[in-house]
Amino acid sequence: LNRSIILRVMAVRRQKKLGAGQSRSSPRGGNAGNEQRRQLIAHQAARLIIEEGIENFSLAKRKAVDRLKLSDCRELPDNQEIEQAVMAYQRLFRANNQPAHLLQLRRTAIEAMRLLASFQPRLTGPVLAGTADAHSPVSLHVFADTPEQLSLFLMEQNIPYDLGERKLRIDLDSYSSIPVFSFMAGDVPLEIFVFCTDGIRQAPLSSVDSRPMTRVSITTVEAMVEQGTDNK
């Protein structure tokens, strides 16, 4: 079956379940049309994230609306709904290869964390969450007095890199520009976010649920690989 048709069927089935629950608790049954559109957008956005490598959830939602040719869409799914749709898509269409690829990414993360041990690296992002796909980089947070320390270290290791910045939400009211060093480990992309040494105490907020990002040390990643879990 065409994947777009399957995704629509998934959304309709979910809506029927929600509608049944709503009909028992509300004589009007809630706004079924809006909920169905939310589910359609979430599943289409998940497809774009996985198949086209779109990392930004907001962009994926806007593109999903365009692809579905929806003109009246007052309520978009939140980022947690998108993340759940990504997991559902992977279970349906990537069950044969995603777990093995995720394991490879986590092994690469361990190698990088060993290399960067003096910077107290922490794994975060989709590779930790278990939602990583073929387009996902390994995301590490490291800590140093200055970004130049990591730059010098990479040059000493003869590792070419690109340097950029990423705005991360530090708290509910403010953002901070964080230096990001990007390079390849074989065919796996890595992105290394450099925080000040005090940054290890407080993680930036997640774009998915606005809570402090989950990030773990190499010991936890090694245990995950040892157990062969996808941590979903």
Protein backbone atom coordinates (compact mmCIF):
# COMPACT_ATOMS: atom_id res chain seq x y z
CA LEU A 1 0.00 0.00 0.00
CA ASN A 2 1.01 3.59 -0.58
CA ARG A 3 2.55 4.98 2.59
CA SER A 4 0.42 8.12 2.48
CA ILE A 5 -2.71 5.95 2.46
CA ILE A 6 -1.40 3.89 5.39
CA LEU A 7 -0.65 7.03 7.40
CA ARG A 8 -4.15 8.35 6.74
CA VAL A 9 -5.67 5.04 7.84
CA MET A 10 -3.57 5.16 11.04
CA ALA A 11 -4.82 8.65 11.78
CA VAL A 12 -8.45 7.77 11.08
CA ARG A 13 -8.27 4.69 13.30
CA ARG A 14 -6.79 6.75 16.11
CA GLN A 15 -9.51 9.34 15.66
CA LYS A 16 -12.24 6.67 15.86
CA LYS A 17 -10.83 5.51 19.19
CA LEU A 18 -10.69 9.07 20.47
CA GLY A 19 -14.17 9.78 19.19
CA ALA A 20 -15.58 6.73 20.94
CA GLY A 21 -14.11 7.91 24.22
CA GLN A 22 -15.35 11.44 23.69
CA SER A 23 -18.88 10.30 22.86
CA ARG A 24 -19.14 8.58 26.22
CA SER A 25 -18.03 11.67 28.12
CA SER A 26 -19.40 14.51 25.98
CA PRO A 27 -22.68 14.74 24.08
CA ARG A 28 -20.96 16.70 21.33
CA GLY A 29 -18.06 14.27 21.02
CA GLY A 30 -15.47 17.06 20.95
CA ASN A 31 -14.06 18.57 17.76
CA ALA A 32 -13.39 15.37 15.83
CA GLY A 33 -12.43 17.21 12.64
CA ASN A 34 -9.64 19.19 14.27
CA GLU A 35 -8.29 16.10 16.04
CA GLN A 36 -8.23 14.11 12.80
CA ARG A 37 -6.32 16.89 11.04
CA ARG A 38 -3.83 17.01 13.92
CA GLN A 39 -3.17 13.29 13.51
CA LEU A 40 -2.83 13.53 9.73
CA ILE A 41 -0.34 16.38 10.10
CA ALA A 42 1.62 14.53 12.80
CA HIS A 43 2.02 11.39 10.70
CA GLN A 44 2.90 13.33 7.54
CA ALA A 45 5.45 15.40 9.49
CA ALA A 46 6.97 12.19 10.88
CA ARG A 47 7.35 10.87 7.34
CA LEU A 48 9.14 14.08 6.27
CA ILE A 49 11.44 13.95 9.30
CA ILE A 50 12.47 10.36 8.62
CA GLU A 51 12.53 10.24 4.83
CA GLU A 52 13.78 13.75 4.06
CA GLY A 53 15.91 14.39 7.12
CA ILE A 54 14.07 17.48 8.35
CA GLU A 55 15.28 18.11 11.90
CA ASN A 56 13.12 21.09 12.77
CA PHE A 57 9.71 19.93 13.97
CA SER A 58 8.06 23.28 13.21
CA LEU A 59 9.30 23.17 9.62
CA ALA A 60 8.13 19.56 9.29
CA LYS A 61 4.64 20.56 10.47
CA ARG A 62 4.43 23.45 8.00
CA LYS A 63 5.56 21.23 5.12
CA ALA A 64 3.08 18.55 6.20
CA VAL A 65 0.24 21.07 6.01
CA ASP A 66 1.36 22.01 2.49
CA ARG A 67 1.67 18.38 1.37
CA LEU A 68 -1.78 17.54 2.71
CA LYS A 69 -3.20 20.70 1.09
CA LEU A 70 -4.98 21.70 4.28
CA SER A 71 -6.29 25.25 4.21
CA ASP A 72 -8.12 25.43 7.54
CA CYS A 73 -5.77 24.15 10.20
CA ARG A 74 -6.08 26.16 13.36
CA GLU A 75 -4.48 23.63 15.68
CA LEU A 76 -1.19 21.95 14.85
CA PRO A 77 0.07 18.89 16.73
CA ASP A 78 2.59 19.67 19.45
CA ASN A 79 6.15 18.39 19.32
CA GLN A 80 5.43 15.47 21.63
CA GLU A 81 2.77 14.27 19.19
CA ILE A 82 5.31 14.54 16.39
CA GLU A 83 7.86 12.50 18.34
CA GLN A 84 5.24 9.81 19.02
CA ALA A 85 4.34 9.76 15.33
CA VAL A 86 8.03 9.34 14.43
CA MET A 87 8.23 6.29 16.70
CA ALA A 88 5.05 4.84 15.20
CA TYR A 89 6.40 5.38 11.67
CA GLN A 90 9.66 3.66 12.54
CA ARG A 91 7.84 0.67 14.02
CA LEU A 92 5.72 0.38 10.89
CA PHE A 93 8.22 1.10 8.11
CA ARG A 94 11.71 0.80 9.65
CA ALA A 95 11.43 -2.18 12.00
CA ASN A 96 13.88 -4.24 9.93
CA ASN A 97 16.79 -1.78 9.94
CA GLN A 98 16.27 1.10 12.39
CA PRO A 99 17.28 -0.81 15.57
CA ALA A 100 20.55 -1.97 13.97
CA HIS A 101 21.31 1.54 12.71
CA LEU A 102 20.55 2.98 16.13
CA LEU A 103 22.96 0.51 17.71
CA GLN A 104 25.67 1.58 15.26
CA LEU A 105 25.09 5.24 16.12
CA ARG A 106 25.37 4.52 19.83
CA ARG A 107 28.60 2.62 19.30
CA THR A 108 29.95 5.58 17.38
CA ALA A 109 28.84 7.82 20.24
CA ILE A 110 30.85 5.71 22.68
CA GLU A 111 33.98 6.01 20.53
CA ALA A 112 33.55 9.79 20.30
CA MET A 113 32.92 10.08 24.05
CA ARG A 114 36.10 8.16 24.78
CA LEU A 115 38.01 10.49 22.47
CA LEU A 116 36.50 13.55 24.18
CA ALA A 117 36.73 12.16 27.72
CA SER A 118 38.56 15.22 29.07
CA PHE A 119 35.53 17.36 28.12
CA GLN A 120 33.03 15.29 30.15
CA PRO A 121 30.84 14.41 27.13
CA ARG A 122 27.14 13.68 27.45
CA LEU A 123 24.97 12.01 24.81
CA THR A 124 21.63 13.64 24.01
CA GLY A 125 19.09 13.90 21.21
CA PRO A 126 17.51 11.22 18.98
CA VAL A 127 20.39 8.74 19.38
CA LEU A 128 19.72 8.70 23.11
CA ALA A 129 15.93 8.84 22.79
CA GLY A 130 15.86 5.96 20.31
CA THR A 131 14.25 7.92 17.47
CA ALA A 132 17.40 8.32 15.36
CA ASP A 133 17.20 7.46 11.68
CA ALA A 134 19.49 7.51 8.66
CA HIS A 135 19.72 11.31 8.73
CA SER A 136 20.36 11.73 12.46
CA PRO A 137 23.72 12.95 13.77
CA VAL A 138 25.23 11.87 17.07
CA SER A 139 24.72 14.86 19.38
CA LEU A 140 27.10 15.37 22.28
CA HIS A 141 27.33 18.09 24.89
CA VAL A 142 30.85 18.83 26.13
CA PHE A 143 32.16 21.31 28.68
CA ALA A 144 35.20 23.57 28.55
CA ASP A 145 36.43 26.96 29.72
CA THR A 146 36.42 28.16 26.09
CA PRO A 147 35.41 26.66 22.71
CA GLU A 148 39.00 27.18 21.60
CA GLN A 149 40.04 24.30 23.85
CA LEU A 150 37.98 21.86 21.80
CA SER A 151 39.15 23.47 18.57
CA LEU A 152 42.79 22.98 19.56
CA PHE A 153 42.13 19.41 20.64
CA LEU A 154 40.50 18.48 17.32
CA MET A 155 43.36 20.06 15.37
CA GLU A 156 45.86 18.07 17.44
CA GLN A 157 43.92 14.94 16.53
CA ASN A 158 43.94 15.94 12.84
CA ILE A 159 40.13 15.98 12.78
CA PRO A 160 38.71 18.50 10.29
CA TYR A 161 35.53 20.20 11.46
CA ASP A 162 32.98 22.85 10.64
CA LEU A 163 32.13 25.43 13.28
CA GLY A 164 28.68 26.91 13.67
CA GLU A 165 26.21 28.07 16.29
CA ARG A 166 22.86 26.83 17.49
CA LYS A 167 20.37 28.72 19.61
CA LEU A 168 19.19 26.64 22.56
CA ARG A 169 16.57 27.55 25.12
CA ILE A 170 18.26 27.98 28.48
CA ASP A 171 15.09 28.71 30.43
CA LEU A 172 11.49 29.67 29.69
CA ASP A 173 12.45 33.26 28.90
CA SER A 174 15.87 33.16 27.24
CA TYR A 175 17.99 31.53 24.55
CA SER A 176 21.74 31.23 24.20
CA SER A 177 23.94 30.72 21.13
CA ILE A 178 26.03 27.59 21.63
CA PRO A 179 29.13 26.81 19.51
CA VAL A 180 28.70 23.57 17.56
CA PHE A 181 31.61 21.60 16.07
CA SER A 182 30.52 19.24 13.29
CA PHE A 183 32.61 16.45 11.76
CA MET A 184 32.33 12.93 10.42
CA ALA A 185 33.27 9.67 12.10
CA GLY A 186 33.36 7.38 9.11
CA ASP A 187 29.91 7.82 7.58
CA VAL A 188 28.30 9.04 10.81
CA PRO A 189 27.86 12.81 11.36
CA LEU A 190 28.65 14.18 14.82
CA GLU A 191 27.68 17.53 16.30
CA ILE A 192 29.49 18.64 19.45
CA PHE A 193 27.86 21.43 21.49
CA VAL A 194 30.36 23.27 23.68
CA PHE A 195 29.06 24.63 26.98
CA CYS A 196 30.97 26.41 29.71
CA THR A 197 32.13 24.15 32.53
CA ASP A 198 29.20 25.19 34.73
CA GLY A 199 26.82 24.13 31.96
CA ILE A 200 27.03 20.54 33.11
CA ARG A 201 24.82 21.43 36.07
CA GLN A 202 21.83 22.62 34.07
CA ALA A 203 20.77 21.20 30.70
CA PRO A 204 19.07 23.45 28.15
CA LEU A 205 15.37 22.92 27.55
CA SER A 206 14.15 20.38 25.03
CA SER A 207 12.32 21.64 21.96
CA VAL A 208 9.99 18.64 22.30
CA ASP A 209 8.57 19.08 25.81
CA SER A 210 10.28 22.26 27.17
CA ARG A 211 11.85 20.24 29.99
CA PRO A 212 15.61 20.01 30.62
CA MET A 213 17.20 17.85 27.95
CA THR A 214 18.02 14.32 28.97
CA ARG A 215 21.74 13.72 28.60
CA VAL A 216 23.80 10.80 29.83
CA SER A 217 27.42 9.82 30.42
CA ILE A 218 29.34 7.15 28.56
CA THR A 219 28.60 4.60 31.29
CA THR A 220 24.89 4.75 30.51
CA VAL A 221 25.45 4.53 26.75
CA GLU A 222 27.71 1.52 27.21
CA ALA A 223 25.01 -0.17 29.29
CA MET A 224 22.41 0.54 26.60
CA VAL A 225 24.59 -0.98 23.91
CA GLU A 226 25.42 -3.95 26.10
CA GLN A 227 21.74 -4.64 26.64
CA GLY A 228 21.00 -4.21 22.95
CA THR A 229 18.08 -1.93 23.79
CA ASP A 230 16.68 0.82 21.63
CA ASN A 231 15.58 2.69 24.78
CA LYS A 232 12.13 3.47 23.44
